């Protein structure tokens, strides 16, 4: 025989539904959502002191509920409000947040007793739900009696107040700061909806992170107030800066061009949450209040102001985050940098800073791996890999060893080609420096003192040292040369020969007085050095026409900057042609 069966709803269901919220603060947010759906303009939440017997109170000035609505709609479990009232609220046209019809039990997450007191159309109704009674009574949920009261309240304003009593001791007590953090992203920038927690209104400062507030007067708009926070942890919902004119939002949050700025990391930009308030420019807003007029001076000024301030804030926050991450990795970085040749450490340090700039948001463990791999690549160049191969082959057989040695030669040729190409680029910039009429002897000296290869292969291996530099300094400080202040570079070859290089201004032609002065420098220095050949190289724009190069003393050579550069270029081009032919 065919029969029917029916579900029975245990009252314990209400307790289970109240346990679906991950924290007390998130449960309280659900009650604020209910106030939003009721077209409230103000919500005031009161959290008592920890361990206090006072209730948590959530009060709003919304439309409230009549006794019939409280019985027939509020107590209807899992009823989607949108099916009854539509996607938008009736009075203010807000998008309805309630969907599942179980938010009414949110208060039971942190309290054992919840009282809803609501006023609408001159009537006050109250309903009390006791968790203990729901669980203890062995009745179907629909048969459980709830304490319900109704009375006249002709002068009372509409709205709803929820009282949460007998707070659970098994849960952490809700805190004002954490509750504000939960609410700020949802309601911090809403028009006509203000939330207070223990008397303090929600603000940008409630977001964990680096906050900035600044006010100024813009010529075309008057006073403006910008407040924003670069949030820590998870990026906020709807990031960006929203424009408010006379307290009303204009369009959606935006980044004022910073999202197209290559200097601003996109991940960091999405942590910005804030608003800029402008008064008295309603005529510069589009009819739908969707944006400021694109071609207005107000838009231009506000965009420039916001971009400047937010970018400065991001730069400071970014540097702080990078420094924290760098501090955690500093011991590892210092240890590995010490293993690199000295001339490569600065380049390696800058490369690591670029890595930290790019991956600052990754976990320390991941960045450690990235830094380790990068340092391995810097320390173990192609020569290292080939020499490792040669060492391994030397213990195997002659054929393998010859193959590895051949590989070393290929690496050597590749390195020479790369060096020649880089030197060609260096010569382009040196040419630009020399062609500049304002270039001084000191600036040329700085460029050439560590790049003597520019003078040709004969001079490439010359070197200076502390002793020679000290001698030159003493010469320059000597009273007889004090008025000249020459720019000299004293170098020594491997066979003990000395070369004194005198650099003249690139725009100056060398004359006989210059030659005579150079010989005086040589005469000063020779007695102070071991007996050896001592030559002088003078470099300037050219030599005057009255000087015959064949009549110069054998120890003096004059060259022009143009001739030196041309010679260096020819040598680099010859190297590149030879390698290409090979």
Protein backbone atom coordinates (compact mmCIF):
# COMPACT_ATOMS: atom_id res chain seq x y z
CA UNK A 1 0.00 0.00 0.00
CA UNK A 2 1.41 3.40 -1.03
CA UNK A 3 1.86 5.95 1.76
CA UNK A 4 3.52 9.37 2.21
CA UNK A 5 6.21 10.53 4.64
CA UNK A 6 7.20 13.97 5.91
CA UNK A 7 10.36 15.64 7.17
CA UNK A 8 10.49 16.45 10.82
CA UNK A 9 12.57 19.50 11.74
CA UNK A 10 14.49 19.15 14.98
CA UNK A 11 14.87 22.47 16.89
CA UNK A 12 18.58 21.73 17.06
CA UNK A 13 18.69 22.91 13.43
CA UNK A 14 18.62 26.53 14.60
CA UNK A 15 21.68 25.91 16.76
CA UNK A 16 23.48 24.27 13.85
CA UNK A 17 22.64 27.16 11.53
CA UNK A 18 24.03 29.54 14.11
CA UNK A 19 27.34 27.68 14.03
CA UNK A 20 27.96 28.30 10.31
CA UNK A 21 29.88 31.56 10.98
CA UNK A 22 33.61 31.34 11.46
CA UNK A 23 33.84 34.06 14.11
CA UNK A 24 31.72 36.21 16.41
CA UNK A 25 32.55 39.32 14.35
CA UNK A 26 31.42 37.71 11.08
CA UNK A 27 28.15 36.69 12.75
CA UNK A 28 27.58 40.28 13.89
CA UNK A 29 28.20 41.45 10.33
CA UNK A 30 25.23 39.30 9.27
CA UNK A 31 23.02 41.37 11.58
CA UNK A 32 24.38 44.55 9.95
CA UNK A 33 23.50 43.05 6.55
CA UNK A 34 19.91 42.65 7.81
CA UNK A 35 19.89 46.36 8.72
CA UNK A 36 21.12 47.21 5.21
CA UNK A 37 18.27 45.21 3.69
CA UNK A 38 15.85 47.08 5.95
CA UNK A 39 16.95 50.42 4.39
CA UNK A 40 18.55 51.62 7.62
CA UNK A 41 20.74 54.72 7.44
CA UNK A 42 22.44 54.24 10.81
CA UNK A 43 23.54 51.13 12.66
CA UNK A 44 24.90 51.34 16.19
CA UNK A 45 26.67 48.33 17.68
CA UNK A 46 27.49 48.21 21.37
CA UNK A 47 29.98 45.64 22.62
CA UNK A 48 30.20 45.36 26.42
CA UNK A 49 33.46 44.92 28.29
CA UNK A 50 34.86 41.36 28.29
CA UNK A 51 33.35 39.05 30.91
CA UNK A 52 30.54 41.56 31.44
CA UNK A 53 26.92 40.40 31.83
CA UNK A 54 25.70 43.24 29.59
CA UNK A 55 24.28 42.23 26.18
CA UNK A 56 25.67 42.92 22.71
CA UNK A 57 23.29 45.40 21.08
CA UNK A 58 22.79 45.97 17.34
CA UNK A 59 20.39 48.86 16.69
CA UNK A 60 19.27 50.28 13.35
CA UNK A 61 16.79 52.91 12.10
CA UNK A 62 15.44 50.83 9.24
CA UNK A 63 11.85 50.11 8.25
CA UNK A 64 11.37 47.67 11.12
CA UNK A 65 8.80 44.83 11.04
CA UNK A 66 5.18 44.54 12.02
CA UNK A 67 4.01 41.67 14.19
CA UNK A 68 2.70 39.93 11.09
CA UNK A 69 6.02 40.34 9.26
CA UNK A 70 7.92 39.12 12.30
CA UNK A 71 5.74 36.01 12.57
CA UNK A 72 5.21 35.27 8.89
CA UNK A 73 8.50 36.34 7.23
CA UNK A 74 11.24 36.62 9.83
CA UNK A 75 10.44 33.22 11.38
CA UNK A 76 10.32 31.53 7.99
CA UNK A 77 13.58 29.58 7.76
CA UNK A 78 15.53 29.45 4.46
CA UNK A 79 13.17 31.89 2.77
CA UNK A 80 15.00 34.01 0.21
CA UNK A 81 13.99 37.62 0.73
CA UNK A 82 14.60 38.40 -2.94
CA UNK A 83 11.70 36.16 -3.94
CA UNK A 84 9.39 38.25 -1.75
CA UNK A 85 10.65 41.81 -2.28
CA UNK A 86 12.83 41.63 -5.39
CA UNK A 87 16.54 42.25 -5.97
CA UNK A 88 16.36 45.83 -4.62
CA UNK A 89 15.08 47.30 -1.38
CA UNK A 90 11.88 49.34 -1.66
CA UNK A 91 12.87 52.69 -0.16
CA UNK A 92 16.55 53.21 -1.12
CA UNK A 93 16.91 50.73 -3.99
CA UNK A 94 19.82 48.90 -2.38
CA UNK A 95 20.89 45.53 -3.67
CA UNK A 96 19.51 42.96 -1.23
CA UNK A 97 22.19 41.01 0.63
CA UNK A 98 20.00 38.37 2.32
CA UNK A 99 19.85 35.24 0.19
CA UNK A 100 19.68 32.03 2.21
CA UNK A 101 17.17 33.03 4.86
CA UNK A 102 19.33 31.85 7.76
CA UNK A 103 21.03 35.11 8.80
CA UNK A 104 18.44 35.52 11.55
CA UNK A 105 20.29 32.81 13.50
CA UNK A 106 23.66 34.61 13.33
CA UNK A 107 23.20 35.95 16.85
CA UNK A 108 23.11 32.43 18.23
CA UNK A 109 26.74 32.01 17.16
CA UNK A 110 27.91 34.02 20.16
CA UNK A 111 24.89 34.16 22.47
CA UNK A 112 22.53 31.68 24.09
CA UNK A 113 19.62 34.11 23.98
CA UNK A 114 18.62 36.54 21.23
CA UNK A 115 15.84 39.12 21.49
CA UNK A 116 14.60 41.01 18.43
CA UNK A 117 12.72 44.22 19.24
CA UNK A 118 11.28 46.00 16.22
CA UNK A 119 9.05 49.03 15.62
CA UNK A 120 6.96 49.67 12.52
CA UNK A 121 3.76 51.68 11.85
CA UNK A 122 3.28 52.65 15.49
CA UNK A 123 3.58 49.13 16.87
CA UNK A 124 6.40 47.50 18.80
CA UNK A 125 6.91 43.71 18.61
CA UNK A 126 9.53 41.63 20.35
CA UNK A 127 10.64 38.03 19.96
CA UNK A 128 13.04 36.05 22.16
CA UNK A 129 14.85 32.92 20.99
CA UNK A 130 16.58 30.80 23.63
CA UNK A 131 19.13 28.33 22.38
CA UNK A 132 18.75 26.23 25.54
CA UNK A 133 14.97 25.96 25.10
CA UNK A 134 15.27 25.03 21.43
CA UNK A 135 17.67 22.19 22.18
CA UNK A 136 15.96 20.88 25.32
CA UNK A 137 12.36 20.69 24.08
CA UNK A 138 11.56 17.44 22.29
CA UNK A 139 9.18 19.04 19.82
CA UNK A 140 9.14 19.70 16.12
CA UNK A 141 10.63 23.13 15.37
CA UNK A 142 7.29 24.52 14.24
CA UNK A 143 5.75 23.54 17.60
CA UNK A 144 8.36 25.21 19.81
CA UNK A 145 6.75 28.17 21.66
CA UNK A 146 8.73 31.43 21.40
CA UNK A 147 8.25 34.39 23.71
CA UNK A 148 6.45 37.04 21.66
CA UNK A 149 5.09 40.45 22.71
CA UNK A 150 3.29 43.25 20.91
CA UNK A 151 2.28 46.72 22.12
CA UNK A 152 1.42 50.16 20.82
CA UNK A 153 4.27 52.61 20.22
CA UNK A 154 2.74 55.55 18.34
CA UNK A 155 5.67 57.94 18.89
CA UNK A 156 8.56 55.46 18.56
CA UNK A 157 10.72 55.72 15.42
CA UNK A 158 10.87 52.68 13.17
CA UNK A 159 13.83 50.35 13.40
CA UNK A 160 15.08 47.10 14.87
CA UNK A 161 17.24 46.35 17.89
CA UNK A 162 18.82 42.94 18.50
CA UNK A 163 19.95 42.03 22.03
CA UNK A 164 22.40 39.14 22.43
CA UNK A 165 22.58 37.87 25.99
CA UNK A 166 24.37 35.09 27.84
CA UNK A 167 27.43 35.22 25.56
CA UNK A 168 29.19 31.91 25.07
CA UNK A 169 32.30 31.52 27.21
CA UNK A 170 33.73 28.96 24.79
CA UNK A 171 34.27 31.68 22.15
CA UNK A 172 36.59 34.66 22.15
CA UNK A 173 34.71 37.81 23.06
CA UNK A 174 34.04 40.03 20.00
CA UNK A 175 36.38 43.01 19.95
CA UNK A 176 35.62 46.47 18.51
CA UNK A 177 38.81 46.63 16.44
CA UNK A 178 38.28 43.25 14.79
CA UNK A 179 34.60 44.01 14.14
CA UNK A 180 35.50 47.29 12.46
CA UNK A 181 38.02 45.44 10.27
CA UNK A 182 35.29 43.01 9.19
CA UNK A 183 32.79 45.79 8.43
CA UNK A 184 35.02 48.45 6.83
CA UNK A 185 35.47 46.86 3.40
CA UNK A 186 31.74 46.21 3.05
CA UNK A 187 30.34 49.44 4.44
CA UNK A 188 33.20 51.90 4.91
CA UNK A 189 32.45 53.87 1.72
CA UNK A 190 28.67 53.48 1.43
CA UNK A 191 26.46 56.55 1.08
CA UNK A 192 23.55 56.92 3.51
CA UNK A 193 24.70 54.00 5.63
CA UNK A 194 26.78 54.79 8.67
CA UNK A 195 27.96 52.17 11.13
CA UNK A 196 29.14 52.94 14.66
CA UNK A 197 30.93 50.45 16.90
CA UNK A 198 30.94 51.55 20.55
CA UNK A 199 30.20 55.08 19.39
CA UNK A 200 33.07 55.24 16.86
CA UNK A 201 32.17 55.54 13.19
CA UNK A 202 33.82 53.21 10.66
CA UNK A 203 36.76 54.87 8.89
CA UNK A 204 39.71 54.09 6.64
CA UNK A 205 41.88 53.90 9.76
CA UNK A 206 40.10 50.69 10.78
CA UNK A 207 41.98 48.78 8.07
CA UNK A 208 45.19 47.13 9.20
CA UNK A 209 48.06 48.67 7.30
CA UNK A 210 49.76 52.00 6.60
CA UNK A 211 47.22 54.86 6.67
CA UNK A 212 47.60 58.34 5.20
CA UNK A 213 45.33 61.38 5.52
CA UNK A 214 46.00 64.73 3.90
CA UNK A 215 44.04 67.89 3.11
CA UNK A 216 44.77 70.67 0.66
CA UNK A 217 43.16 73.43 -1.40
CA UNK A 218 43.12 72.85 -5.15
CA UNK A 219 42.88 76.01 -7.25
CA UNK A 220 39.93 74.78 -9.31
CA UNK A 221 37.93 72.94 -6.64
CA UNK A 222 38.74 74.31 -3.20
CA UNK A 223 39.41 72.09 -0.16
CA UNK A 224 39.81 68.33 -0.66
CA UNK A 225 40.50 65.60 1.91
CA UNK A 226 42.23 62.36 0.90
CA UNK A 227 42.40 59.32 3.17
CA UNK A 228 43.70 55.91 2.19
CA UNK A 229 45.26 52.81 3.69
CA UNK A 230 47.67 50.31 2.14
CA UNK A 231 46.18 47.17 3.62
CA UNK A 232 48.17 44.34 5.14
CA UNK A 233 47.40 40.71 4.41
CA UNK A 234 44.59 39.95 1.99
CA UNK A 235 43.79 42.63 -0.60
CA UNK A 236 40.57 44.53 0.18
CA UNK A 237 37.34 44.13 -1.75
CA UNK A 238 36.87 46.87 -4.38
CA UNK A 239 40.35 48.42 -3.98
CA UNK A 240 41.11 51.94 -5.12
CA UNK A 241 40.17 55.51 -4.22
CA UNK A 242 36.53 56.52 -4.51
CA UNK A 243 35.55 60.14 -5.18
CA UNK A 244 32.90 61.69 -2.95
CA UNK A 245 31.31 65.04 -3.72
CA UNK A 246 29.48 66.57 -0.77
CA UNK A 247 29.51 63.14 0.88
CA UNK A 248 27.97 61.28 -2.10
CA UNK A 249 29.98 58.66 -4.01
CA UNK A 250 30.83 59.31 -7.64
CA UNK A 251 31.24 56.13 -9.70
CA UNK A 252 33.38 53.23 -8.57
CA UNK A 253 36.82 53.19 -6.86
CA UNK A 254 39.69 53.93 -9.27
CA UNK A 255 43.48 54.23 -9.32
CA UNK A 256 43.83 57.63 -11.06
CA UNK A 257 46.31 56.37 -13.68
CA UNK A 258 48.58 54.53 -11.25
CA UNK A 259 47.46 51.19 -12.73
CA UNK A 260 49.30 52.22 -15.91
CA UNK A 261 52.43 53.42 -14.09
CA UNK A 262 55.24 50.88 -14.57
CA UNK A 263 56.94 52.06 -11.37
CA UNK A 264 53.98 50.95 -9.23
CA UNK A 265 53.71 47.19 -8.52
CA UNK A 266 50.21 46.07 -9.45
CA UNK A 267 49.91 43.72 -6.46
CA UNK A 268 50.71 46.53 -4.07
CA UNK A 269 48.33 48.94 -5.81
CA UNK A 270 45.45 46.52 -5.23
CA UNK A 271 45.96 46.95 -1.49
CA UNK A 272 45.01 50.64 -1.63
CA UNK A 273 41.63 51.45 -0.12
CA UNK A 274 40.46 54.98 0.41
CA UNK A 275 38.39 57.99 -0.56
CA UNK A 276 38.79 61.63 -1.53
CA UNK A 277 36.13 64.13 -0.43
CA UNK A 278 35.48 67.23 -2.53
CA UNK A 279 32.91 69.89 -1.74
CA UNK A 280 31.01 72.21 -4.03
CA UNK A 281 31.72 70.72 -7.46
CA UNK A 282 28.37 69.04 -8.25
CA UNK A 283 28.40 70.78 -11.63
CA UNK A 284 31.55 68.79 -12.54
CA UNK A 285 29.80 65.40 -12.05
CA UNK A 286 28.04 63.49 -14.83
CA UNK A 287 24.24 63.30 -14.70
CA UNK A 288 24.27 59.67 -13.52
CA UNK A 289 26.90 60.41 -10.87
CA UNK A 290 29.10 57.82 -12.55
CA UNK A 291 32.25 59.97 -12.83
CA UNK A 292 33.69 63.45 -12.83
CA UNK A 293 33.61 65.13 -16.23
CA UNK A 294 36.64 63.85 -18.16
CA UNK A 295 37.74 67.18 -19.65
CA UNK A 296 37.23 69.31 -16.54
CA UNK A 297 40.06 71.04 -14.73
CA UNK A 298 38.75 69.59 -11.47
CA UNK A 299 39.27 66.04 -12.78
CA UNK A 300 42.78 66.90 -13.96
CA UNK A 301 43.76 68.50 -10.64
CA UNK A 302 42.23 65.74 -8.49
CA UNK A 303 43.87 63.01 -10.60
CA UNK A 304 47.31 64.62 -10.29
CA UNK A 305 46.90 65.19 -6.54
CA UNK A 306 45.70 61.65 -5.75
CA UNK A 307 48.30 60.00 -7.99
CA UNK A 308 51.13 61.96 -6.36
CA UNK A 309 50.06 61.24 -2.77
CA UNK A 310 49.17 57.58 -3.29
CA UNK A 311 52.36 56.89 -5.23
CA UNK A 312 54.43 58.45 -2.45
CA UNK A 313 52.58 56.32 0.10
CA UNK A 314 53.10 53.18 -1.96
CA UNK A 315 56.79 53.97 -2.34
CA UNK A 316 57.22 54.24 1.41
CA UNK A 317 55.17 51.12 2.16
CA UNK A 318 56.95 49.16 -0.55
CA UNK A 319 60.36 50.14 0.76
CA UNK A 320 59.34 49.17 4.27
CA UNK A 321 58.07 45.74 3.15
CA UNK A 322 61.20 45.15 1.06
CA UNK A 323 63.45 46.15 3.94
CA UNK A 324 61.69 43.72 6.26
CA UNK A 325 62.11 40.91 3.78
CA UNK A 326 65.71 41.89 3.06
CA UNK A 327 66.49 41.94 6.79
CA UNK A 328 65.29 38.35 7.07
CA UNK A 329 67.58 37.30 4.21
CA UNK A 330 70.54 39.57 4.98
CA UNK A 331 72.80 36.94 6.58
CA UNK A 332 72.36 34.62 3.61
CA UNK A 333 72.95 37.47 1.13
CA UNK A 334 76.06 38.77 2.93
CA UNK A 335 77.58 35.29 3.15
CA UNK A 336 77.10 34.60 -0.55
CA UNK A 337 78.19 38.06 -1.70
CA UNK A 338 81.45 37.64 0.22
CA UNK A 339 82.20 34.62 -1.98
CA UNK A 340 81.97 36.67 -5.18
CA UNK A 341 84.93 38.58 -6.68
CA UNK A 342 84.98 42.10 -5.31
CA UNK A 343 84.32 43.77 -8.67
CA UNK A 344 81.10 41.77 -9.09
CA UNK A 345 79.60 42.31 -5.65
CA UNK A 346 77.99 45.68 -6.33
CA UNK A 347 76.36 44.40 -9.52
CA UNK A 348 75.14 41.30 -7.68
CA UNK A 349 73.75 43.45 -4.84
CA UNK A 350 71.77 45.61 -7.29
CA UNK A 351 70.46 42.52 -9.10
CA UNK A 352 69.25 41.08 -5.79
CA UNK A 353 67.48 44.34 -4.97
CA UNK A 354 65.63 44.04 -8.29
CA UNK A 355 64.62 40.48 -7.39
CA UNK A 356 63.33 41.57 -3.98
CA UNK A 357 61.45 44.43 -5.68
CA UNK A 358 59.70 41.98 -7.99
CA UNK A 359 58.99 39.17 -5.56
CA UNK A 360 58.49 41.07 -2.29
CA UNK A 361 54.99 39.61 -1.83
CA UNK A 362 56.15 36.01 -2.00
CA UNK A 363 56.81 34.03 1.15
CA UNK A 364 60.27 34.25 2.72
CA UNK A 365 60.88 30.58 1.88
CA UNK A 366 60.20 31.14 -1.83
CA UNK A 367 62.31 34.29 -1.96
CA UNK A 368 65.18 32.42 -0.26
CA UNK A 369 65.12 29.86 -3.08
CA UNK A 370 65.02 32.60 -5.75
CA UNK A 371 67.95 34.45 -4.13
CA UNK A 372 69.96 31.23 -3.80
CA UNK A 373 69.47 30.32 -7.47
CA UNK A 374 70.33 33.87 -8.59
CA UNK A 375 73.53 33.90 -6.53
CA UNK A 376 74.51 30.50 -7.90
CA UNK A 377 74.11 31.88 -11.42
CA UNK A 378 76.22 34.95 -10.56
CA UNK A 379 78.95 32.93 -8.86
CA UNK A 380 79.12 30.01 -11.27
CA UNK A 381 79.55 31.53 -14.70
CA UNK A 382 80.20 29.65 -17.95
CA UNK A 383 83.92 29.32 -17.09
CA UNK A 384 83.03 27.61 -13.82
CA UNK A 385 80.88 25.02 -15.61
CA UNK A 386 83.56 24.31 -18.25
CA UNK A 387 86.37 24.03 -15.69
CA UNK A 388 84.24 21.58 -13.70
CA UNK A 389 83.87 19.58 -16.91
CA UNK A 390 87.66 19.68 -17.50
CA UNK A 391 88.36 18.47 -13.96
CA UNK A 392 85.97 15.57 -14.42
CA UNK A 393 87.35 14.70 -17.87
CA UNK A 394 90.97 14.70 -16.70
CA UNK A 395 90.23 11.56 -14.70
CA UNK A 396 88.51 9.76 -17.60
CA UNK A 397 90.43 9.71 -20.90
CA UNK A 398 92.35 11.94 -23.30
CA UNK A 399 89.48 12.22 -25.77
CA UNK A 400 87.09 13.59 -23.13
CA UNK A 401 89.78 15.98 -21.87
CA UNK A 402 90.41 17.37 -25.39
CA UNK A 403 86.69 17.86 -25.89
CA UNK A 404 86.43 19.81 -22.63
CA UNK A 405 89.45 21.96 -23.49
CA UNK A 406 87.84 22.75 -26.84
CA UNK A 407 84.72 23.79 -25.00
CA UNK A 408 86.81 26.16 -22.85
CA UNK A 409 88.06 27.82 -26.04
CA UNK A 410 84.51 28.33 -27.29
CA UNK A 411 83.53 29.95 -24.00
CA UNK A 412 86.61 32.16 -24.20
CA UNK A 413 85.71 33.34 -27.71
CA UNK A 414 82.13 34.06 -26.61
CA UNK A 415 83.42 36.07 -23.66
CA UNK A 416 85.74 38.10 -25.91
CA UNK A 417 82.87 38.84 -28.29
CA UNK A 418 80.63 39.94 -25.43
CA UNK A 419 83.40 42.14 -24.00
CA UNK A 420 84.05 43.75 -27.38
CA UNK A 421 80.36 44.55 -27.81
CA UNK A 422 80.17 46.10 -24.33
CA UNK A 423 83.32 48.12 -24.94
CA UNK A 424 81.77 49.46 -28.15
CA UNK A 425 78.82 50.76 -26.10
CA UNK A 426 81.25 52.27 -23.57
CA UNK A 427 83.04 54.13 -26.39
CA UNK A 428 79.74 55.63 -27.57
CA UNK A 429 79.16 57.17 -24.16
CA UNK A 430 82.79 58.28 -23.82
CA UNK A 431 82.52 59.99 -27.22
CA UNK A 432 79.44 61.84 -25.97
CA UNK A 433 81.32 62.97 -22.83
CA UNK A 434 84.29 64.27 -24.82
CA UNK A 435 82.11 66.10 -27.37
CA UNK A 436 80.44 68.08 -24.57
CA UNK A 437 82.17 71.54 -24.38
CA UNK A 438 81.56 71.70 -20.61
CA UNK A 439 83.54 68.50 -19.87
CA UNK A 440 86.51 69.08 -17.55
CA UNK A 441 89.85 67.30 -17.10
CA UNK A 442 88.63 65.76 -13.85
CA UNK A 443 85.58 64.21 -15.51
CA UNK A 444 87.68 62.66 -18.27
CA UNK A 445 90.15 61.40 -15.64
CA UNK A 446 87.30 59.67 -13.79
CA UNK A 447 86.18 57.93 -16.97
CA UNK A 448 89.64 56.77 -18.10
CA UNK A 449 91.51 55.87 -14.92
CA UNK A 450 90.05 52.36 -14.84
CA UNK A 451 89.68 52.02 -18.63
CA UNK A 452 93.21 52.45 -19.96
CA UNK A 453 92.46 49.84 -22.66
CA UNK A 454 90.93 52.81 -24.55
CA UNK A 455 94.50 54.07 -25.13
CA UNK A 456 95.38 50.89 -27.00
CA UNK A 457 96.88 47.47 -26.23
CA UNK A 458 100.18 49.05 -25.27
CA UNK A 459 98.57 50.76 -22.30
CA UNK A 460 95.83 48.23 -21.44
CA UNK A 461 97.80 46.47 -18.68
CA UNK A 462 99.24 49.59 -17.06
CA UNK A 463 98.23 50.08 -13.45
CA UNK A 464 98.40 52.67 -10.71
CA UNK A 465 98.61 52.07 -6.98
CA UNK A 466 98.47 53.93 -3.68
CA UNK A 467 102.16 54.89 -3.78
CA UNK A 468 101.96 56.38 -7.27
CA UNK A 469 98.71 58.16 -6.50
CA UNK A 470 100.31 59.66 -3.37
CA UNK A 471 103.24 60.96 -5.43
CA UNK A 472 100.88 62.64 -7.88
CA UNK A 473 98.96 64.21 -5.02
CA UNK A 474 102.17 65.57 -3.51
CA UNK A 475 103.12 67.01 -6.91
CA UNK A 476 99.74 68.73 -7.23
CA UNK A 477 100.05 70.13 -3.71
CA UNK A 478 103.60 71.41 -4.29
CA UNK A 479 103.82 75.17 -4.19
CA UNK A 480 105.47 75.46 -7.61
CA UNK A 481 102.56 73.63 -9.27
CA UNK A 482 99.74 74.93 -7.07
CA UNK A 483 98.47 77.38 -9.68
CA UNK A 484 98.40 74.74 -12.41
CA UNK A 485 96.32 72.06 -10.63
CA UNK A 486 97.18 69.50 -13.34
CA UNK A 487 95.16 66.31 -13.90
CA UNK A 488 97.72 63.52 -13.92
CA UNK A 489 97.64 59.74 -13.89
CA UNK A 490 100.91 57.97 -13.02
CA UNK A 491 101.04 54.30 -14.05
CA UNK A 492 103.58 51.48 -13.99
CA UNK A 493 104.08 48.68 -16.53
CA UNK A 494 105.00 45.09 -15.63
CA UNK A 495 108.63 45.69 -16.64
CA UNK A 496 109.05 48.70 -14.31
CA UNK A 497 108.50 51.45 -16.90
CA UNK A 498 106.53 54.47 -15.76
CA UNK A 499 104.06 56.46 -17.80
CA UNK A 500 102.73 59.85 -16.73
CA UNK A 501 99.43 60.62 -18.45
CA UNK A 502 98.35 64.26 -18.47
CA UNK A 503 94.73 64.81 -19.42
CA UNK A 504 93.83 68.20 -20.85
CA UNK A 505 90.34 69.57 -21.32
CA UNK A 506 88.84 67.91 -24.44
CA UNK A 507 88.33 71.35 -26.01
CA UNK A 508 91.97 72.42 -25.45
CA UNK A 509 94.79 72.10 -28.06
CA UNK A 510 98.24 71.27 -26.61
CA UNK A 511 100.98 73.91 -27.16
CA UNK A 512 104.68 74.20 -26.32
CA UNK A 513 103.99 75.69 -22.88
CA UNK A 514 101.99 72.58 -22.01
CA UNK A 515 104.86 70.36 -23.13
CA UNK A 516 107.36 72.32 -21.04
CA UNK A 517 105.12 72.05 -18.01
CA UNK A 518 104.73 68.28 -18.52
CA UNK A 519 108.52 67.88 -18.55
CA UNK A 520 108.69 69.75 -15.22
CA UNK A 521 106.23 67.23 -13.76
CA UNK A 522 108.45 64.43 -15.05
CA UNK A 523 111.55 66.04 -13.57
CA UNK A 524 109.78 66.31 -10.20
CA UNK A 525 108.72 62.67 -10.14
CA UNK A 526 111.80 60.90 -11.54
CA UNK A 527 114.08 61.34 -8.48
CA UNK A 528 111.35 59.92 -6.29
CA UNK A 529 111.04 56.67 -8.24
CA UNK A 530 113.46 53.79 -8.94
CA UNK A 531 115.67 54.31 -11.97
CA UNK A 532 113.67 53.27 -15.02
CA UNK A 533 112.30 54.58 -18.24
CA UNK A 534 109.83 57.39 -17.67
CA UNK A 535 107.51 58.47 -20.52
CA UNK A 536 104.86 61.17 -20.77
CA UNK A 537 101.59 60.88 -22.68
CA UNK A 538 99.63 64.11 -23.21
CA UNK A 539 96.01 63.97 -24.38
CA UNK A 540 93.93 66.92 -25.54
CA UNK A 541 91.81 68.11 -28.43
CA UNK A 542 94.87 68.18 -30.71
CA UNK A 543 98.31 69.81 -30.88
CA UNK A 544 98.83 73.31 -32.24
CA UNK A 545 100.01 73.49 -35.86
CA UNK A 546 103.37 74.99 -34.90
CA UNK A 547 104.49 71.77 -33.17
CA UNK A 548 106.28 69.22 -35.34
CA UNK A 549 105.74 65.75 -33.80
CA UNK A 550 109.16 64.65 -35.09
CA UNK A 551 110.85 67.34 -33.04
CA UNK A 552 109.34 66.18 -29.75
CA UNK A 553 111.58 64.50 -27.16
CA UNK A 554 111.46 60.70 -27.46
CA UNK A 555 109.83 60.34 -24.05
CA UNK A 556 106.85 62.60 -24.88
CA UNK A 557 103.85 61.56 -26.96
CA UNK A 558 100.86 63.72 -27.85
CA UNK A 559 97.50 62.20 -28.81
CA UNK A 560 94.02 63.58 -29.43
CA UNK A 561 90.85 62.24 -27.84
CA UNK A 562 89.36 61.76 -31.30
CA UNK A 563 92.36 59.71 -32.44
CA UNK A 564 92.28 57.55 -29.30
CA UNK A 565 88.57 56.81 -29.72
CA UNK A 566 89.00 56.01 -33.41
CA UNK A 567 91.82 53.60 -32.61
CA UNK A 568 89.81 51.88 -29.89
CA UNK A 569 86.81 51.50 -32.21
CA UNK A 570 88.95 50.02 -34.98
CA UNK A 571 90.37 47.47 -32.55
CA UNK A 572 86.88 46.41 -31.31
CA UNK A 573 85.58 46.14 -34.89
CA UNK A 574 88.59 44.03 -35.90
CA UNK A 575 87.91 41.67 -33.01
CA UNK A 576 84.25 41.32 -33.97
CA UNK A 577 85.13 40.67 -37.65
CA UNK A 578 87.73 38.09 -36.70
CA UNK A 579 85.32 36.23 -34.41
CA UNK A 580 82.59 36.31 -37.05
CA UNK A 581 84.98 34.80 -39.62
CA UNK A 582 85.97 32.07 -37.13
